[in-house]
Amino acid sequence: MELDEHIRIKRELGASICDRIGDEIDRLGFAAGSIEHYPFFDQARFELIKDPFTGDHNLAGYWHDQRQQRIGSLQFNSDGTFYAEYDVVKPHPTKPKWFVEGITAWGSADRITAEAKLLPMPE
């Protein structure tokens, strides 16, 4: 199967994963306009990578900022699961002792789970 076909097959689930990550960012309570970018499925750059365990191809997508620095990734595994990370890199808006590194999401088509990756602020 070609790259374009993998992307077409995963587009709906990918858009749902992006929405879930965006919802998780919004749930943290950042002020309107303070988040520069959100993940959108069609803005990722995709490639096929070989799964070392199964030998099948996994679809991997990457998001980059304006300076071409990677700010997120999404991988669809050949077993039907996925894993995503998306950078936020901001102090927590309501918990001054915490820093939001990013959002992780994982699961499968029937269950998308997401949570913020928080780090304690240095004293």
PDB file of N, CA and C in Angstrom:
ATOM      1  N   MET A   1       0.855  -1.183   0.000  1.00  0.00           N
ATOM      2  CA  MET A   1       0.000   0.000   0.000  1.00  0.00           C
ATOM      3  C   MET A   1       0.898   1.243   0.000  1.00  0.00           C
ATOM      4  N   GLU A   2       0.537   2.215  -0.795  1.00  0.00           N
ATOM      5  CA  GLU A   2       1.307   3.446  -0.932  1.00  0.00           C
ATOM      6  C   GLU A   2       1.019   4.411   0.224  1.00  0.00           C
ATOM      7  N   LEU A   3       1.916   5.384   0.393  1.00  0.00           N
ATOM      8  CA  LEU A   3       1.790   6.390   1.442  1.00  0.00           C
ATOM      9  C   LEU A   3       0.443   7.105   1.381  1.00  0.00           C
ATOM     10  N   ASP A   4       0.028   7.552   0.200  1.00  0.00           N
ATOM     11  CA  ASP A   4      -1.241   8.284   0.057  1.00  0.00           C
ATOM     12  C   ASP A   4      -2.434   7.463   0.536  1.00  0.00           C
ATOM     13  N   GLU A   5      -2.402   6.170   0.286  1.00  0.00           N
ATOM     14  CA  GLU A   5      -3.494   5.293   0.721  1.00  0.00           C
ATOM     15  C   GLU A   5      -3.523   5.171   2.248  1.00  0.00           C
ATOM     16  N   HIS A   6      -2.355   5.036   2.873  1.00  0.00           N
ATOM     17  CA  HIS A   6      -2.282   4.997   4.342  1.00  0.00           C
ATOM     18  C   HIS A   6      -2.857   6.282   4.937  1.00  0.00           C
ATOM     19  N   ILE A   7      -2.477   7.414   4.360  1.00  0.00           N
ATOM     20  CA  ILE A   7      -2.961   8.713   4.854  1.00  0.00           C
ATOM     21  C   ILE A   7      -4.481   8.794   4.708  1.00  0.00           C
ATOM     22  N   ARG A   8      -5.002   8.382   3.556  1.00  0.00           N
ATOM     23  CA  ARG A   8      -6.452   8.435   3.316  1.00  0.00           C
ATOM     24  C   ARG A   8      -7.191   7.576   4.344  1.00  0.00           C
ATOM     25  N   ILE A   9      -6.691   6.374   4.595  1.00  0.00           N
ATOM     26  CA  ILE A   9      -7.342   5.449   5.527  1.00  0.00           C
ATOM     27  C   ILE A   9      -7.339   5.991   6.956  1.00  0.00           C
ATOM     28  N   LYS A  10      -6.282   6.674   7.339  1.00  0.00           N
ATOM     29  CA  LYS A  10      -6.131   7.150   8.727  1.00  0.00           C
ATOM     30  C   LYS A  10      -6.632   8.575   8.947  1.00  0.00           C
ATOM     31  N   ARG A  11      -7.083   9.263   7.880  1.00  0.00           N
ATOM     32  CA  ARG A  11      -7.445  10.683   7.992  1.00  0.00           C
ATOM     33  C   ARG A  11      -8.525  10.935   9.058  1.00  0.00           C
ATOM     34  N   GLU A  12      -9.602  10.175   9.060  1.00  0.00           N
ATOM     35  CA  GLU A  12     -10.695  10.429  10.005  1.00  0.00           C
ATOM     36  C   GLU A  12     -10.236  10.214  11.447  1.00  0.00           C
ATOM     37  N   LEU A  13      -9.558   9.089  11.713  1.00  0.00           N
ATOM     38  CA  LEU A  13      -9.045   8.844  13.065  1.00  0.00           C
ATOM     39  C   LEU A  13      -8.010   9.898  13.426  1.00  0.00           C
ATOM     40  N   GLY A  14      -7.145  10.236  12.491  1.00  0.00           N
ATOM     41  CA  GLY A  14      -6.120  11.248  12.745  1.00  0.00           C
ATOM     42  C   GLY A  14      -6.722  12.591  13.114  1.00  0.00           C
ATOM     43  N   ALA A  15      -7.775  12.987  12.418  1.00  0.00           N
ATOM     44  CA  ALA A  15      -8.448  14.252  12.740  1.00  0.00           C
ATOM     45  C   ALA A  15      -9.057  14.191  14.139  1.00  0.00           C
ATOM     46  N   SER A  16      -9.607  13.032  14.524  1.00  0.00           N
ATOM     47  CA  SER A  16     -10.167  12.871  15.873  1.00  0.00           C
ATOM     48  C   SER A  16      -9.076  12.959  16.936  1.00  0.00           C
ATOM     49  N   ILE A  17      -7.922  12.390  16.650  1.00  0.00           N
ATOM     50  CA  ILE A  17      -6.794  12.461  17.594  1.00  0.00           C
ATOM     51  C   ILE A  17      -6.348  13.918  17.746  1.00  0.00           C
ATOM     52  N   CYS A  18      -6.236  14.632  16.650  1.00  0.00           N
ATOM     53  CA  CYS A  18      -5.854  16.046  16.699  1.00  0.00           C
ATOM     54  C   CYS A  18      -6.862  16.859  17.496  1.00  0.00           C
ATOM     55  N   ASP A  19      -8.149  16.602  17.288  1.00  0.00           N
ATOM     56  CA  ASP A  19      -9.195  17.294  18.054  1.00  0.00           C
ATOM     57  C   ASP A  19      -9.049  17.006  19.543  1.00  0.00           C
ATOM     58  N   ARG A  20      -8.774  15.753  19.875  1.00  0.00           N
ATOM     59  CA  ARG A  20      -8.632  15.362  21.291  1.00  0.00           C
ATOM     60  C   ARG A  20      -7.433  16.065  21.925  1.00  0.00           C
ATOM     61  N   ILE A  21      -6.315  16.157  21.189  1.00  0.00           N
ATOM     62  CA  ILE A  21      -5.144  16.880  21.700  1.00  0.00           C
ATOM     63  C   ILE A  21      -5.492  18.354  21.894  1.00  0.00           C
ATOM     64  N   GLY A  22      -6.169  18.951  20.928  1.00  0.00           N
ATOM     65  CA  GLY A  22      -6.586  20.345  21.048  1.00  0.00           C
ATOM     66  C   GLY A  22      -7.506  20.570  22.231  1.00  0.00           C
ATOM     67  N   ASP A  23      -8.445  19.652  22.441  1.00  0.00           N
ATOM     68  CA  ASP A  23      -9.341  19.755  23.593  1.00  0.00           C
ATOM     69  C   ASP A  23      -8.557  19.695  24.909  1.00  0.00           C
ATOM     70  N   GLU A  24      -7.551  18.839  24.953  1.00  0.00           N
ATOM     71  CA  GLU A  24      -6.743  18.703  26.164  1.00  0.00           C
ATOM     72  C   GLU A  24      -5.942  19.984  26.425  1.00  0.00           C
ATOM     73  N   ILE A  25      -5.420  20.596  25.368  1.00  0.00           N
ATOM     74  CA  ILE A  25      -4.725  21.876  25.521  1.00  0.00           C
ATOM     75  C   ILE A  25      -5.694  22.921  26.073  1.00  0.00           C
ATOM     76  N   ASP A  26      -6.874  23.019  25.468  1.00  0.00           N
ATOM     77  CA  ASP A  26      -7.865  24.012  25.892  1.00  0.00           C
ATOM     78  C   ASP A  26      -8.321  23.776  27.331  1.00  0.00           C
ATOM     79  N   ARG A  27      -8.429  22.507  27.725  1.00  0.00           N
ATOM     80  CA  ARG A  27      -8.892  22.163  29.065  1.00  0.00           C
ATOM     81  C   ARG A  27      -7.956  22.675  30.156  1.00  0.00           C
ATOM     82  N   LEU A  28      -6.699  22.904  29.798  1.00  0.00           N
ATOM     83  CA  LEU A  28      -5.735  23.400  30.772  1.00  0.00           C
ATOM     84  C   LEU A  28      -6.009  24.842  31.177  1.00  0.00           C
ATOM     85  N   GLY A  29      -6.735  25.589  30.350  1.00  0.00           N
ATOM     86  CA  GLY A  29      -7.145  26.944  30.729  1.00  0.00           C
ATOM     87  C   GLY A  29      -6.247  28.064  30.242  1.00  0.00           C
ATOM     88  N   PHE A  30      -5.530  27.862  29.158  1.00  0.00           N
ATOM     89  CA  PHE A  30      -4.702  28.940  28.616  1.00  0.00           C
ATOM     90  C   PHE A  30      -5.586  30.075  28.109  1.00  0.00           C
ATOM     91  N   ALA A  31      -5.089  31.305  28.198  1.00  0.00           N
ATOM     92  CA  ALA A  31      -5.822  32.469  27.712  1.00  0.00           C
ATOM     93  C   ALA A  31      -5.999  32.355  26.195  1.00  0.00           C
ATOM     94  N   ALA A  32      -7.120  32.875  25.716  1.00  0.00           N
ATOM     95  CA  ALA A  32      -7.402  32.847  24.275  1.00  0.00           C
ATOM     96  C   ALA A  32      -6.245  33.486  23.520  1.00  0.00           C
ATOM     97  N   GLY A  33      -5.784  32.819  22.485  1.00  0.00           N
ATOM     98  CA  GLY A  33      -4.711  33.350  21.652  1.00  0.00           C
ATOM     99  C   GLY A  33      -3.304  33.072  22.153  1.00  0.00           C
ATOM    100  N   SER A  34      -3.171  32.464  23.327  1.00  0.00           N
ATOM    101  CA  SER A  34      -1.823  32.235  23.862  1.00  0.00           C
ATOM    102  C   SER A  34      -1.164  30.969  23.303  1.00  0.00           C
ATOM    103  N   ILE A  35      -1.947  30.112  22.680  1.00  0.00           N
ATOM    104  CA  ILE A  35      -1.392  28.921  22.035  1.00  0.00           C
ATOM    105  C   ILE A  35      -1.238  29.241  20.547  1.00  0.00           C
ATOM    106  N   GLU A  36       0.010  29.194  20.070  1.00  0.00           N
ATOM    107  CA  GLU A  36       0.295  29.593  18.691  1.00  0.00           C
ATOM    108  C   GLU A  36      -0.242  28.625  17.653  1.00  0.00           C
ATOM    109  N   HIS A  37      -0.162  27.323  17.942  1.00  0.00           N
ATOM    110  CA  HIS A  37      -0.575  26.346  16.948  1.00  0.00           C
ATOM    111  C   HIS A  37      -1.137  25.102  17.607  1.00  0.00           C
ATOM    112  N   TYR A  38      -2.048  24.508  16.900  1.00  0.00           N
ATOM    113  CA  TYR A  38      -2.675  23.255  17.304  1.00  0.00           C
ATOM    114  C   TYR A  38      -2.358  22.221  16.221  1.00  0.00           C
ATOM    115  N   PRO A  39      -2.432  20.934  16.562  1.00  0.00           N
ATOM    116  CA  PRO A  39      -2.184  19.927  15.528  1.00  0.00           C
ATOM    117  C   PRO A  39      -3.391  19.764  14.599  1.00  0.00           C
ATOM    118  N   PHE A  40      -3.127  19.739  13.324  1.00  0.00           N
ATOM    119  CA  PHE A  40      -4.137  19.436  12.313  1.00  0.00           C
ATOM    120  C   PHE A  40      -3.576  18.311  11.444  1.00  0.00           C
ATOM    121  N   PHE A  41      -4.372  17.286  11.231  1.00  0.00           N
ATOM    122  CA  PHE A  41      -3.912  16.096  10.524  1.00  0.00           C
ATOM    123  C   PHE A  41      -3.267  16.438   9.182  1.00  0.00           C
ATOM    124  N   ASP A  42      -3.927  17.267   8.400  1.00  0.00           N
ATOM    125  CA  ASP A  42      -3.431  17.560   7.055  1.00  0.00           C
ATOM    126  C   ASP A  42      -2.220  18.489   7.039  1.00  0.00           C
ATOM    127  N   GLN A  43      -1.801  19.005   8.199  1.00  0.00           N
ATOM    128  CA  GLN A  43      -0.596  19.823   8.250  1.00  0.00           C
ATOM    129  C   GLN A  43       0.635  19.011   8.648  1.00  0.00           C
ATOM    130  N   ALA A  44       0.449  17.730   8.935  1.00  0.00           N
ATOM    131  CA  ALA A  44       1.583  16.871   9.271  1.00  0.00           C
ATOM    132  C   ALA A  44       2.283  16.421   7.999  1.00  0.00           C
ATOM    133  N   ARG A  45       3.568  16.137   8.126  1.00  0.00           N
ATOM    134  CA  ARG A  45       4.340  15.529   7.038  1.00  0.00           C
ATOM    135  C   ARG A  45       4.433  14.047   7.347  1.00  0.00           C
ATOM    136  N   PHE A  46       3.977  13.231   6.422  1.00  0.00           N
ATOM    137  CA  PHE A  46       3.873  11.794   6.673  1.00  0.00           C
ATOM    138  C   PHE A  46       4.943  10.996   5.950  1.00  0.00           C
ATOM    139  N   GLU A  47       5.258   9.848   6.556  1.00  0.00           N
ATOM    140  CA  GLU A  47       6.146   8.869   5.928  1.00  0.00           C
ATOM    141  C   GLU A  47       5.767   7.495   6.458  1.00  0.00           C
ATOM    142  N   LEU A  48       6.176   6.480   5.725  1.00  0.00           N
ATOM    143  CA  LEU A  48       5.979   5.110   6.185  1.00  0.00           C
ATOM    144  C   LEU A  48       7.276   4.637   6.828  1.00  0.00           C
ATOM    145  N   ILE A  49       7.151   4.032   8.009  1.00  0.00           N
ATOM    146  CA  ILE A  49       8.323   3.479   8.679  1.00  0.00           C
ATOM    147  C   ILE A  49       8.064   2.006   8.969  1.00  0.00           C
ATOM    148  N   LYS A  50       9.071   1.218   8.842  1.00  0.00           N
ATOM    149  CA  LYS A  50       8.925  -0.225   9.029  1.00  0.00           C
ATOM    150  C   LYS A  50       8.870  -0.556  10.514  1.00  0.00           C
ATOM    151  N   ASP A  51       7.855  -1.314  10.902  1.00  0.00           N
ATOM    152  CA  ASP A  51       7.718  -1.782  12.281  1.00  0.00           C
ATOM    153  C   ASP A  51       8.742  -2.900  12.485  1.00  0.00           C
ATOM    154  N   PRO A  52       9.709  -2.703  13.391  1.00  0.00           N
ATOM    155  CA  PRO A  52      10.758  -3.708  13.555  1.00  0.00           C
ATOM    156  C   PRO A  52      10.241  -5.045  14.098  1.00  0.00           C
ATOM    157  N   PHE A  53       9.092  -5.022  14.748  1.00  0.00           N
ATOM    158  CA  PHE A  53       8.538  -6.247  15.326  1.00  0.00           C
ATOM    159  C   PHE A  53       7.748  -7.052  14.304  1.00  0.00           C
ATOM    160  N   THR A  54       6.847  -6.364  13.570  1.00  0.00           N
ATOM    161  CA  THR A  54       5.967  -7.079  12.642  1.00  0.00           C
ATOM    162  C   THR A  54       6.467  -7.070  11.202  1.00  0.00           C
ATOM    163  N   GLY A  55       7.329  -6.112  10.868  1.00  0.00           N
ATOM    164  CA  GLY A  55       7.768  -5.967   9.491  1.00  0.00           C
ATOM    165  C   GLY A  55       6.792  -5.188   8.630  1.00  0.00           C
ATOM    166  N   ASP A  56       5.621  -4.853   9.182  1.00  0.00           N
ATOM    167  CA  ASP A  56       4.632  -4.061   8.454  1.00  0.00           C
ATOM    168  C   ASP A  56       5.035  -2.586   8.462  1.00  0.00           C
ATOM    169  N   HIS A  57       4.321  -1.795   7.673  1.00  0.00           N
ATOM    170  CA  HIS A  57       4.589  -0.361   7.654  1.00  0.00           C
ATOM    171  C   HIS A  57       3.643   0.377   8.601  1.00  0.00           C
ATOM    172  N   ASN A  58       4.219   1.271   9.382  1.00  0.00           N
ATOM    173  CA  ASN A  58       3.460   2.177  10.235  1.00  0.00           C
ATOM    174  C   ASN A  58       3.453   3.544   9.573  1.00  0.00           C
ATOM    175  N   LEU A  59       2.337   4.261   9.711  1.00  0.00           N
ATOM    176  CA  LEU A  59       2.244   5.622   9.197  1.00  0.00           C
ATOM    177  C   LEU A  59       2.677   6.570  10.307  1.00  0.00           C
ATOM    178  N   ALA A  60       3.680   7.388  10.022  1.00  0.00           N
ATOM    179  CA  ALA A  60       4.172   8.361  10.999  1.00  0.00           C
ATOM    180  C   ALA A  60       4.040   9.756  10.416  1.00  0.00           C
ATOM    181  N   GLY A  61       3.522  10.674  11.225  1.00  0.00           N
ATOM    182  CA  GLY A  61       3.381  12.064  10.812  1.00  0.00           C
ATOM    183  C   GLY A  61       4.080  12.972  11.800  1.00  0.00           C
ATOM    184  N   TYR A  62       4.597  14.086  11.293  1.00  0.00           N
ATOM    185  CA  TYR A  62       5.341  15.026  12.123  1.00  0.00           C
ATOM    186  C   TYR A  62       4.870  16.438  11.838  1.00  0.00           C
ATOM    187  N   TRP A  63       4.735  17.223  12.910  1.00  0.00           N
ATOM    188  CA  TRP A  63       4.411  18.641  12.784  1.00  0.00           C
ATOM    189  C   TRP A  63       5.654  19.454  13.088  1.00  0.00           C
ATOM    190  N   HIS A  64       5.811  20.557  12.362  1.00  0.00           N
ATOM    191  CA  HIS A  64       6.956  21.446  12.544  1.00  0.00           C
ATOM    192  C   HIS A  64       6.456  22.882  12.685  1.00  0.00           C
ATOM    193  N   ASP A  65       7.237  23.689  13.401  1.00  0.00           N
ATOM    194  CA  ASP A  65       6.888  25.102  13.526  1.00  0.00           C
ATOM    195  C   ASP A  65       7.463  25.880  12.340  1.00  0.00           C
ATOM    196  N   GLN A  66       7.360  27.210  12.403  1.00  0.00           N
ATOM    197  CA  GLN A  66       7.811  28.047  11.294  1.00  0.00           C
ATOM    198  C   GLN A  66       9.316  27.932  11.062  1.00  0.00           C
ATOM    199  N   ARG A  67      10.071  27.575  12.094  1.00  0.00           N
ATOM    200  CA  ARG A  67      11.534  27.418  11.965  1.00  0.00           C
ATOM    201  C   ARG A  67      11.915  25.985  11.588  1.00  0.00           C
ATOM    202  N   GLN A  68      10.913  25.170  11.282  1.00  0.00           N
ATOM    203  CA  GLN A  68      11.093  23.761  10.911  1.00  0.00           C
ATOM    204  C   GLN A  68      11.586  22.894  12.064  1.00  0.00           C
ATOM    205  N   GLN A  69      11.345  23.339  13.298  1.00  0.00           N
ATOM    206  CA  GLN A  69      11.628  22.525  14.473  1.00  0.00           C
ATOM    207  C   GLN A  69      10.441  21.597  14.702  1.00  0.00           C
ATOM    208  N   ARG A  70      10.697  20.338  14.985  1.00  0.00           N
ATOM    209  CA  ARG A  70       9.606  19.386  15.219  1.00  0.00           C
ATOM    210  C   ARG A  70       8.887  19.743  16.516  1.00  0.00           C
ATOM    211  N   ILE A  71       7.559  19.828  16.422  1.00  0.00           N
ATOM    212  CA  ILE A  71       6.751  20.155  17.603  1.00  0.00           C
ATOM    213  C   ILE A  71       5.735  19.070  17.924  1.00  0.00           C
ATOM    214  N   GLY A  72       5.709  18.014  17.131  1.00  0.00           N
ATOM    215  CA  GLY A  72       4.771  16.942  17.432  1.00  0.00           C
ATOM    216  C   GLY A  72       4.930  15.775  16.486  1.00  0.00           C
ATOM    217  N   SER A  73       4.393  14.646  16.928  1.00  0.00           N
ATOM    218  CA  SER A  73       4.431  13.447  16.100  1.00  0.00           C
ATOM    219  C   SER A  73       3.207  12.589  16.376  1.00  0.00           C
ATOM    220  N   LEU A  74       2.861  11.785  15.387  1.00  0.00           N
ATOM    221  CA  LEU A  74       1.726  10.870  15.474  1.00  0.00           C
ATOM    222  C   LEU A  74       2.107   9.611  14.719  1.00  0.00           C
ATOM    223  N   GLN A  75       2.024   8.474  15.394  1.00  0.00           N
ATOM    224  CA  GLN A  75       2.342   7.216  14.713  1.00  0.00           C
ATOM    225  C   GLN A  75       1.178   6.258  14.840  1.00  0.00           C
ATOM    226  N   PHE A  76       0.754   5.745  13.679  1.00  0.00           N
ATOM    227  CA  PHE A  76      -0.263   4.699  13.617  1.00  0.00           C
ATOM    228  C   PHE A  76       0.475   3.377  13.477  1.00  0.00           C
ATOM    229  N   ASN A  77       0.300   2.492  14.444  1.00  0.00           N
ATOM    230  CA  ASN A  77       0.988   1.205  14.437  1.00  0.00           C
ATOM    231  C   ASN A  77       0.200   0.169  13.650  1.00  0.00           C
ATOM    232  N   SER A  78       0.907  -0.831  13.172  1.00  0.00           N
ATOM    233  CA  SER A  78       0.285  -1.859  12.343  1.00  0.00           C
ATOM    234  C   SER A  78      -0.726  -2.708  13.105  1.00  0.00           C
ATOM    235  N   ASP A  79      -0.694  -2.652  14.448  1.00  0.00           N
ATOM    236  CA  ASP A  79      -1.666  -3.416  15.245  1.00  0.00           C
ATOM    237  C   ASP A  79      -2.954  -2.646  15.516  1.00  0.00           C
ATOM    238  N   GLY A  80      -3.097  -1.443  14.914  1.00  0.00           N
ATOM    239  CA  GLY A  80      -4.316  -0.651  15.092  1.00  0.00           C
ATOM    240  C   GLY A  80      -4.239   0.382  16.199  1.00  0.00           C
ATOM    241  N   THR A  81      -3.126   0.420  16.938  1.00  0.00           N
ATOM    242  CA  THR A  81      -2.959   1.417  17.990  1.00  0.00           C
ATOM    243  C   THR A  81      -2.240   2.641  17.430  1.00  0.00           C
ATOM    244  N   PHE A  82      -2.217   3.711  18.225  1.00  0.00           N
ATOM    245  CA  PHE A  82      -1.482   4.916  17.830  1.00  0.00           C
ATOM    246  C   PHE A  82      -0.868   5.544  19.069  1.00  0.00           C
ATOM    247  N   TYR A  83       0.099   6.426  18.842  1.00  0.00           N
ATOM    248  CA  TYR A  83       0.705   7.216  19.905  1.00  0.00           C
ATOM    249  C   TYR A  83       1.043   8.577  19.309  1.00  0.00           C
ATOM    250  N   ALA A  84       0.739   9.647  20.049  1.00  0.00           N
ATOM    251  CA  ALA A  84       1.012  11.003  19.581  1.00  0.00           C
ATOM    252  C   ALA A  84       1.576  11.845  20.708  1.00  0.00           C
ATOM    253  N   GLU A  85       2.422  12.789  20.339  1.00  0.00           N
ATOM    254  CA  GLU A  85       2.940  13.796  21.265  1.00  0.00           C
ATOM    255  C   GLU A  85       2.875  15.137  20.560  1.00  0.00           C
ATOM    256  N   TYR A  86       2.503  16.176  21.324  1.00  0.00           N
ATOM    257  CA  TYR A  86       2.448  17.512  20.751  1.00  0.00           C
ATOM    258  C   TYR A  86       2.943  18.503  21.795  1.00  0.00           C
ATOM    259  N   ASP A  87       3.927  19.326  21.414  1.00  0.00           N
ATOM    260  CA  ASP A  87       4.545  20.268  22.348  1.00  0.00           C
ATOM    261  C   ASP A  87       3.630  21.443  22.667  1.00  0.00           C
ATOM    262  N   VAL A  88       3.630  21.830  23.945  1.00  0.00           N
ATOM    263  CA  VAL A  88       2.974  23.058  24.385  1.00  0.00           C
ATOM    264  C   VAL A  88       4.054  24.021  24.887  1.00  0.00           C
ATOM    265  N   VAL A  89       4.915  23.562  25.789  1.00  0.00           N
ATOM    266  CA  VAL A  89       6.090  24.278  26.283  1.00  0.00           C
ATOM    267  C   VAL A  89       5.732  25.661  26.822  1.00  0.00           C
ATOM    268  N   LYS A  90       4.889  25.660  27.858  1.00  0.00           N
ATOM    269  CA  LYS A  90       4.456  26.899  28.509  1.00  0.00           C
ATOM    270  C   LYS A  90       4.216  26.643  29.991  1.00  0.00           C
ATOM    271  N   PRO A  91       4.389  27.664  30.822  1.00  0.00           N
ATOM    272  CA  PRO A  91       3.987  27.517  32.222  1.00  0.00           C
ATOM    273  C   PRO A  91       2.490  27.200  32.301  1.00  0.00           C
ATOM    274  N   HIS A  92       2.120  26.357  33.249  1.00  0.00           N
ATOM    275  CA  HIS A  92       0.709  26.002  33.417  1.00  0.00           C
ATOM    276  C   HIS A  92      -0.074  27.270  33.738  1.00  0.00           C
ATOM    277  N   PRO A  93      -1.216  27.490  33.083  1.00  0.00           N
ATOM    278  CA  PRO A  93      -1.948  28.747  33.267  1.00  0.00           C
ATOM    279  C   PRO A  93      -2.603  28.911  34.641  1.00  0.00           C
ATOM    280  N   THR A  94      -2.864  27.830  35.356  1.00  0.00           N
ATOM    281  CA  THR A  94      -3.553  27.956  36.652  1.00  0.00           C
ATOM    282  C   THR A  94      -2.787  27.323  37.810  1.00  0.00           C
ATOM    283  N   LYS A  95      -1.689  26.632  37.528  1.00  0.00           N
ATOM    284  CA  LYS A  95      -0.886  25.985  38.569  1.00  0.00           C
ATOM    285  C   LYS A  95       0.543  26.500  38.456  1.00  0.00           C
ATOM    286  N   PRO A  96       0.873  27.567  39.212  1.00  0.00           N
ATOM    287  CA  PRO A  96       2.164  28.233  39.033  1.00  0.00           C
ATOM    288  C   PRO A  96       3.394  27.352  39.287  1.00  0.00           C
ATOM    289  N   LYS A  97       3.245  26.261  39.983  1.00  0.00           N
ATOM    290  CA  LYS A  97       4.394  25.398  40.265  1.00  0.00           C
ATOM    291  C   LYS A  97       4.629  24.349  39.176  1.00  0.00           C
ATOM    292  N   TRP A  98       3.838  24.421  38.089  1.00  0.00           N
ATOM    293  CA  TRP A  98       3.932  23.406  37.039  1.00  0.00           C
ATOM    294  C   TRP A  98       4.169  24.031  35.671  1.00  0.00           C
ATOM    295  N   PHE A  99       4.834  23.270  34.825  1.00  0.00           N
ATOM    296  CA  PHE A  99       5.140  23.643  33.453  1.00  0.00           C
ATOM    297  C   PHE A  99       4.521  22.586  32.541  1.00  0.00           C
ATOM    298  N   VAL A 100       3.846  23.003  31.467  1.00  0.00           N
ATOM    299  CA  VAL A 100       3.231  22.072  30.530  1.00  0.00           C
ATOM    300  C   VAL A 100       4.235  21.803  29.408  1.00  0.00           C
ATOM    301  N   GLU A 101       4.798  20.597  29.409  1.00  0.00           N
ATOM    302  CA  GLU A 101       5.736  20.224  28.351  1.00  0.00           C
ATOM    303  C   GLU A 101       4.981  19.955  27.048  1.00  0.00           C
ATOM    304  N   GLY A 102       3.885  19.205  27.140  1.00  0.00           N
ATOM    305  CA  GLY A 102       3.122  18.876  25.944  1.00  0.00           C
ATOM    306  C   GLY A 102       1.929  18.015  26.277  1.00  0.00           C
ATOM    307  N   ILE A 103       1.332  17.470  25.247  1.00  0.00           N
ATOM    308  CA  ILE A 103       0.180  16.577  25.379  1.00  0.00           C
ATOM    309  C   ILE A 103       0.548  15.254  24.717  1.00  0.00           C
ATOM    310  N   THR A 104       0.223  14.163  25.374  1.00  0.00           N
ATOM    311  CA  THR A 104       0.376  12.843  24.757  1.00  0.00           C
ATOM    312  C   THR A 104      -1.014  12.262  24.543  1.00  0.00           C
ATOM    313  N   ALA A 105      -1.145  11.486  23.492  1.00  0.00           N
ATOM    314  CA  ALA A 105      -2.406  10.792  23.203  1.00  0.00           C
ATOM    315  C   ALA A 105      -2.057   9.384  22.741  1.00  0.00           C
ATOM    316  N   TRP A 106      -2.900   8.436  23.102  1.00  0.00           N
ATOM    317  CA  TRP A 106      -2.656   7.048  22.718  1.00  0.00           C
ATOM    318  C   TRP A 106      -3.976   6.310  22.700  1.00  0.00           C
ATOM    319  N   GLY A 107      -3.966   5.148  22.087  1.00  0.00           N
ATOM    320  CA  GLY A 107      -5.163   4.318  22.068  1.00  0.00           C
ATOM    321  C   GLY A 107      -5.362   3.657  20.728  1.00  0.00           C
ATOM    322  N   SER A 108      -6.634   3.558  20.366  1.00  0.00           N
ATOM    323  CA  SER A 108      -7.034   2.937  19.106  1.00  0.00           C
ATOM    324  C   SER A 108      -8.290   3.657  18.625  1.00  0.00           C
ATOM    325  N   ALA A 109      -8.850   3.213  17.511  1.00  0.00           N
ATOM    326  CA  ALA A 109     -10.001   3.904  16.926  1.00  0.00           C
ATOM    327  C   ALA A 109     -11.174   3.999  17.886  1.00  0.00           C
ATOM    328  N   ASP A 110     -11.341   3.023  18.768  1.00  0.00           N
ATOM    329  CA  ASP A 110     -12.487   3.050  19.674  1.00  0.00           C
ATOM    330  C   ASP A 110     -12.190   3.696  21.027  1.00  0.00           C
ATOM    331  N   ARG A 111     -10.934   4.124  21.253  1.00  0.00           N
ATOM    332  CA  ARG A 111     -10.613   4.777  22.526  1.00  0.00           C
ATOM    333  C   ARG A 111      -9.391   5.675  22.363  1.00  0.00           C
ATOM    334  N   ILE A 112      -9.619   6.978  22.422  1.00  0.00           N
ATOM    335  CA  ILE A 112      -8.550   7.965  22.344  1.00  0.00           C
ATOM    336  C   ILE A 112      -8.363   8.558  23.734  1.00  0.00           C
ATOM    337  N   THR A 113      -7.189   8.360  24.304  1.00  0.00           N
ATOM    338  CA  THR A 113      -6.871   8.904  25.618  1.00  0.00           C
ATOM    339  C   THR A 113      -5.806   9.972  25.445  1.00  0.00           C
ATOM    340  N   ALA A 114      -5.903  11.057  26.207  1.00  0.00           N
ATOM    341  CA  ALA A 114      -4.905  12.122  26.134  1.00  0.00           C
ATOM    342  C   ALA A 114      -4.692  12.709  27.512  1.00  0.00           C
ATOM    343  N   GLU A 115      -3.466  13.177  27.743  1.00  0.00           N
ATOM    344  CA  GLU A 115      -3.173  13.859  29.002  1.00  0.00           C
ATOM    345  C   GLU A 115      -2.004  14.807  28.809  1.00  0.00           C
ATOM    346  N   ALA A 116      -1.947  15.811  29.670  1.00  0.00           N
ATOM    347  CA  ALA A 116      -0.849  16.773  29.639  1.00  0.00           C
ATOM    348  C   ALA A 116       0.378  16.161  30.312  1.00  0.00           C
ATOM    349  N   LYS A 117       1.538  16.460  29.759  1.00  0.00           N
ATOM    350  CA  LYS A 117       2.807  16.087  30.389  1.00  0.00           C
ATOM    351  C   LYS A 117       3.268  17.325  31.162  1.00  0.00           C
ATOM    352  N   LEU A 118       3.212  17.211  32.489  1.00  0.00           N
ATOM    353  CA  LEU A 118       3.565  18.325  33.356  1.00  0.00           C
ATOM    354  C   LEU A 118       4.911  18.080  34.017  1.00  0.00           C
ATOM    355  N   LEU A 119       5.676  19.146  34.194  1.00  0.00           N
ATOM    356  CA  LEU A 119       6.945  19.082  34.900  1.00  0.00           C
ATOM    357  C   LEU A 119       6.906  20.115  36.024  1.00  0.00           C
ATOM    358  N   PRO A 120       7.526  19.817  37.175  1.00  0.00           N
ATOM    359  CA  PRO A 120       7.579  20.835  38.236  1.00  0.00           C
ATOM    360  C   PRO A 120       8.472  21.997  37.786  1.00  0.00           C
ATOM    361  N   MET A 121       8.054  23.208  38.108  1.00  0.00           N
ATOM    362  CA  MET A 121       8.870  24.385  37.800  1.00  0.00           C
ATOM    363  C   MET A 121      10.092  24.382  38.699  1.00  0.00           C
ATOM    364  N   PRO A 122      11.246  24.763  38.173  1.00  0.00           N
ATOM    365  CA  PRO A 122      12.425  24.824  39.037  1.00  0.00           C
ATOM    366  C   PRO A 122      12.219  25.873  40.131  1.00  0.00           C
ATOM    367  N   GLU A 123      12.718  25.553  41.276  1.00  0.00           N
ATOM    368  CA  GLU A 123      12.571  26.488  42.426  1.00  0.00           C
ATOM    369  C   GLU A 123      13.471  27.703  42.252  1.00  0.00           C
TER     370      GLU A 123
END
